[in-house]
N, C-alpha and C. Protein backbone atom coordinates (compact mmCIF):
# COMPACT_ATOMS: atom_id res chain seq x y z
N MET A 1 -10.01 -2.61 19.63
CA MET A 1 -9.90 -2.89 18.23
C MET A 1 -9.24 -1.72 17.51
N SER A 2 -8.32 -2.06 16.66
CA SER A 2 -7.58 -1.05 15.93
C SER A 2 -8.47 -0.34 14.91
N ARG A 3 -8.25 0.92 14.72
CA ARG A 3 -9.02 1.67 13.74
C ARG A 3 -8.73 1.22 12.31
N THR A 4 -7.55 0.68 12.10
CA THR A 4 -7.13 0.33 10.75
C THR A 4 -7.05 -1.18 10.55
N LEU A 5 -7.75 -1.95 11.36
CA LEU A 5 -7.66 -3.40 11.27
C LEU A 5 -8.13 -3.92 9.92
N ARG A 6 -9.26 -3.46 9.43
CA ARG A 6 -9.76 -3.92 8.13
C ARG A 6 -8.82 -3.50 7.01
N LEU A 7 -8.30 -2.29 7.11
CA LEU A 7 -7.36 -1.81 6.10
C LEU A 7 -6.10 -2.66 6.08
N ARG A 8 -5.55 -2.96 7.25
CA ARG A 8 -4.34 -3.78 7.34
C ARG A 8 -4.55 -5.19 6.80
N THR A 9 -5.67 -5.81 7.14
CA THR A 9 -5.91 -7.17 6.66
C THR A 9 -6.16 -7.19 5.15
N GLU A 10 -6.80 -6.17 4.61
CA GLU A 10 -7.03 -6.10 3.16
C GLU A 10 -5.71 -5.90 2.42
N ILE A 11 -4.83 -5.07 2.95
CA ILE A 11 -3.53 -4.86 2.32
C ILE A 11 -2.71 -6.15 2.35
N ALA A 12 -2.74 -6.86 3.47
CA ALA A 12 -2.02 -8.12 3.58
C ALA A 12 -2.56 -9.15 2.59
N THR A 13 -3.87 -9.22 2.44
CA THR A 13 -4.47 -10.14 1.48
C THR A 13 -4.09 -9.77 0.05
N TYR A 14 -4.15 -8.50 -0.26
CA TYR A 14 -3.81 -8.03 -1.60
C TYR A 14 -2.34 -8.32 -1.94
N LEU A 15 -1.44 -8.02 -1.02
CA LEU A 15 -0.03 -8.25 -1.28
C LEU A 15 0.31 -9.74 -1.34
N SER A 16 -0.39 -10.56 -0.59
CA SER A 16 -0.13 -12.00 -0.68
C SER A 16 -0.60 -12.55 -2.02
N ASN A 17 -1.61 -11.92 -2.63
CA ASN A 17 -2.10 -12.36 -3.94
C ASN A 17 -1.22 -11.88 -5.08
N VAL A 18 -0.77 -10.62 -5.03
CA VAL A 18 -0.01 -10.06 -6.15
C VAL A 18 1.50 -10.13 -5.96
N GLY A 19 1.96 -10.33 -4.74
CA GLY A 19 3.40 -10.39 -4.48
C GLY A 19 3.95 -9.03 -4.08
N GLU A 20 4.17 -8.17 -5.07
CA GLU A 20 4.66 -6.82 -4.82
C GLU A 20 3.75 -5.81 -5.50
N ALA A 21 3.62 -4.64 -4.88
CA ALA A 21 2.81 -3.58 -5.48
C ALA A 21 3.32 -2.24 -4.97
N ASN A 22 3.17 -1.21 -5.79
CA ASN A 22 3.59 0.11 -5.31
C ASN A 22 2.44 0.76 -4.54
N THR A 23 2.74 1.86 -3.90
CA THR A 23 1.80 2.51 -3.00
C THR A 23 0.53 2.95 -3.72
N THR A 24 0.66 3.48 -4.92
CA THR A 24 -0.53 3.94 -5.63
C THR A 24 -1.43 2.78 -6.06
N ASP A 25 -0.85 1.64 -6.42
CA ASP A 25 -1.66 0.47 -6.75
C ASP A 25 -2.43 -0.04 -5.53
N ILE A 26 -1.77 -0.04 -4.39
CA ILE A 26 -2.43 -0.48 -3.15
C ILE A 26 -3.56 0.49 -2.79
N LEU A 27 -3.30 1.78 -2.94
CA LEU A 27 -4.33 2.79 -2.64
C LEU A 27 -5.53 2.63 -3.56
N ASP A 28 -5.28 2.41 -4.84
CA ASP A 28 -6.39 2.21 -5.79
C ASP A 28 -7.20 0.97 -5.42
N HIS A 29 -6.52 -0.11 -5.05
CA HIS A 29 -7.24 -1.32 -4.66
C HIS A 29 -8.10 -1.09 -3.42
N VAL A 30 -7.54 -0.46 -2.42
CA VAL A 30 -8.27 -0.22 -1.17
C VAL A 30 -9.48 0.68 -1.43
N ASN A 31 -9.31 1.71 -2.25
CA ASN A 31 -10.41 2.64 -2.50
C ASN A 31 -11.50 2.02 -3.37
N GLN A 32 -11.17 1.02 -4.18
CA GLN A 32 -12.19 0.32 -4.94
C GLN A 32 -12.87 -0.75 -4.09
N ARG A 33 -12.15 -1.31 -3.14
CA ARG A 33 -12.66 -2.41 -2.34
C ARG A 33 -13.62 -1.94 -1.25
N PHE A 34 -13.30 -0.83 -0.61
CA PHE A 34 -14.09 -0.34 0.51
C PHE A 34 -14.86 0.92 0.13
N ARG A 35 -15.99 1.06 0.76
CA ARG A 35 -16.84 2.22 0.51
C ARG A 35 -16.20 3.50 1.03
N TRP A 36 -15.56 3.44 2.17
CA TRP A 36 -15.01 4.65 2.79
C TRP A 36 -13.62 4.97 2.28
N GLY A 37 -12.86 3.96 1.77
CA GLY A 37 -11.53 4.19 1.22
C GLY A 37 -10.51 4.60 2.26
N ALA A 38 -9.43 5.16 1.79
CA ALA A 38 -8.34 5.61 2.65
C ALA A 38 -7.61 6.74 1.95
N THR A 39 -6.90 7.54 2.72
CA THR A 39 -6.07 8.59 2.13
C THR A 39 -4.65 8.05 1.97
N MET A 40 -3.86 8.76 1.19
CA MET A 40 -2.48 8.35 0.98
C MET A 40 -1.70 8.41 2.29
N ASN A 41 -2.00 9.38 3.15
CA ASN A 41 -1.32 9.48 4.43
C ASN A 41 -1.65 8.30 5.34
N GLN A 42 -2.91 7.91 5.39
CA GLN A 42 -3.30 6.75 6.19
C GLN A 42 -2.60 5.50 5.69
N LEU A 43 -2.61 5.31 4.38
CA LEU A 43 -1.99 4.13 3.80
C LEU A 43 -0.49 4.10 4.06
N GLY A 44 0.17 5.23 3.90
CA GLY A 44 1.61 5.30 4.16
C GLY A 44 1.95 4.97 5.60
N ASN A 45 1.15 5.46 6.54
CA ASN A 45 1.39 5.16 7.95
C ASN A 45 1.18 3.69 8.26
N VAL A 46 0.14 3.09 7.69
CA VAL A 46 -0.13 1.67 7.92
C VAL A 46 1.01 0.82 7.37
N LEU A 47 1.44 1.12 6.14
CA LEU A 47 2.50 0.33 5.52
C LEU A 47 3.83 0.48 6.25
N ALA A 48 4.13 1.68 6.70
CA ALA A 48 5.42 1.92 7.35
C ALA A 48 5.49 1.36 8.76
N ARG A 49 4.35 1.30 9.46
CA ARG A 49 4.38 0.92 10.88
C ARG A 49 4.03 -0.52 11.17
N ASP A 50 3.48 -1.22 10.19
CA ASP A 50 3.11 -2.61 10.39
C ASP A 50 4.28 -3.50 9.97
N ARG A 51 4.69 -4.40 10.84
CA ARG A 51 5.85 -5.25 10.58
C ARG A 51 5.61 -6.31 9.52
N ARG A 52 4.34 -6.54 9.16
CA ARG A 52 4.03 -7.52 8.11
C ARG A 52 4.46 -7.04 6.73
N PHE A 53 4.61 -5.75 6.55
CA PHE A 53 4.91 -5.18 5.24
C PHE A 53 6.35 -4.67 5.22
N ILE A 54 7.01 -4.90 4.09
CA ILE A 54 8.40 -4.47 3.96
C ILE A 54 8.56 -3.71 2.65
N LYS A 55 9.35 -2.63 2.72
CA LYS A 55 9.63 -1.84 1.53
C LYS A 55 10.75 -2.54 0.77
N VAL A 56 10.51 -2.88 -0.50
CA VAL A 56 11.51 -3.61 -1.28
C VAL A 56 12.19 -2.75 -2.32
N GLY A 57 11.73 -1.54 -2.52
CA GLY A 57 12.38 -0.67 -3.49
C GLY A 57 11.55 0.55 -3.80
N PHE A 58 11.97 1.24 -4.88
CA PHE A 58 11.29 2.45 -5.31
C PHE A 58 10.98 2.36 -6.80
N ASP A 59 9.90 3.00 -7.20
CA ASP A 59 9.53 3.10 -8.60
C ASP A 59 9.69 4.55 -9.01
N GLU A 60 10.69 4.81 -9.84
CA GLU A 60 11.02 6.18 -10.25
C GLU A 60 10.17 6.66 -11.41
N GLY A 61 9.64 5.76 -12.22
CA GLY A 61 9.01 6.13 -13.47
C GLY A 61 7.55 6.47 -13.40
N THR A 62 6.96 6.57 -12.23
CA THR A 62 5.54 6.87 -12.14
C THR A 62 5.31 8.32 -12.54
N ASP A 63 4.42 8.51 -13.52
CA ASP A 63 4.13 9.84 -14.03
C ASP A 63 2.71 10.22 -13.65
N ILE A 64 2.56 11.17 -12.74
CA ILE A 64 1.25 11.61 -12.27
C ILE A 64 1.09 13.09 -12.59
N GLY A 65 0.20 13.40 -13.51
CA GLY A 65 -0.08 14.79 -13.84
C GLY A 65 1.11 15.53 -14.43
N GLY A 66 1.97 14.86 -15.16
CA GLY A 66 3.12 15.50 -15.77
C GLY A 66 4.35 15.55 -14.88
N PHE A 67 4.23 15.13 -13.64
CA PHE A 67 5.36 15.14 -12.72
C PHE A 67 5.84 13.71 -12.49
N ARG A 68 7.12 13.54 -12.39
CA ARG A 68 7.67 12.23 -12.07
C ARG A 68 7.62 12.05 -10.56
N MET A 69 7.01 10.97 -10.14
CA MET A 69 6.87 10.69 -8.72
C MET A 69 7.69 9.47 -8.36
N ARG A 70 8.21 9.47 -7.18
CA ARG A 70 8.95 8.33 -6.65
C ARG A 70 8.07 7.67 -5.60
N VAL A 71 7.60 6.45 -5.90
CA VAL A 71 6.73 5.74 -4.97
C VAL A 71 7.42 4.47 -4.51
N CYS A 72 7.06 4.02 -3.33
CA CYS A 72 7.67 2.82 -2.74
C CYS A 72 6.98 1.57 -3.27
N ILE A 73 7.75 0.50 -3.34
CA ILE A 73 7.22 -0.82 -3.69
C ILE A 73 7.21 -1.64 -2.41
N TRP A 74 6.07 -2.29 -2.12
CA TRP A 74 5.86 -3.00 -0.87
C TRP A 74 5.62 -4.49 -1.13
N SER A 75 5.97 -5.29 -0.14
CA SER A 75 5.74 -6.73 -0.19
C SER A 75 5.47 -7.24 1.23
N ILE A 76 5.10 -8.51 1.32
CA ILE A 76 4.90 -9.14 2.62
C ILE A 76 6.27 -9.54 3.16
N ALA A 77 6.54 -9.22 4.41
CA ALA A 77 7.81 -9.57 5.04
C ALA A 77 7.86 -11.07 5.31
N SER A 78 9.00 -11.66 5.09
CA SER A 78 9.15 -13.10 5.38
C SER A 78 9.36 -13.29 6.88
N ALA A 79 8.83 -14.37 7.39
CA ALA A 79 8.86 -14.63 8.83
C ALA A 79 10.19 -15.03 9.28
C-alpha cells in the first residue's frame, strides 16, 4: 500500500469537484480535511509524479507575506 494513497485519492476527489486549483488551495484543503495533513514538499511530489494530475498553468499574483509567489495550477488529466 502506498504511503500517499489517501492523500492522492483526496486530491483527485477535490480536483474533480472544483475543476482547477492552485497548489496552496489544495494544501489548505488537505490540511483541513486530514488530522495529520501534509507538507508542501509532499504535496508537490504527489502532484508532479501522479499521472492523474496535470499542470495547466501558473498563478503569478499570489501574495504570501509581502512576497509575490508563483504557484502552479493543477487539474485532472483527461483520459
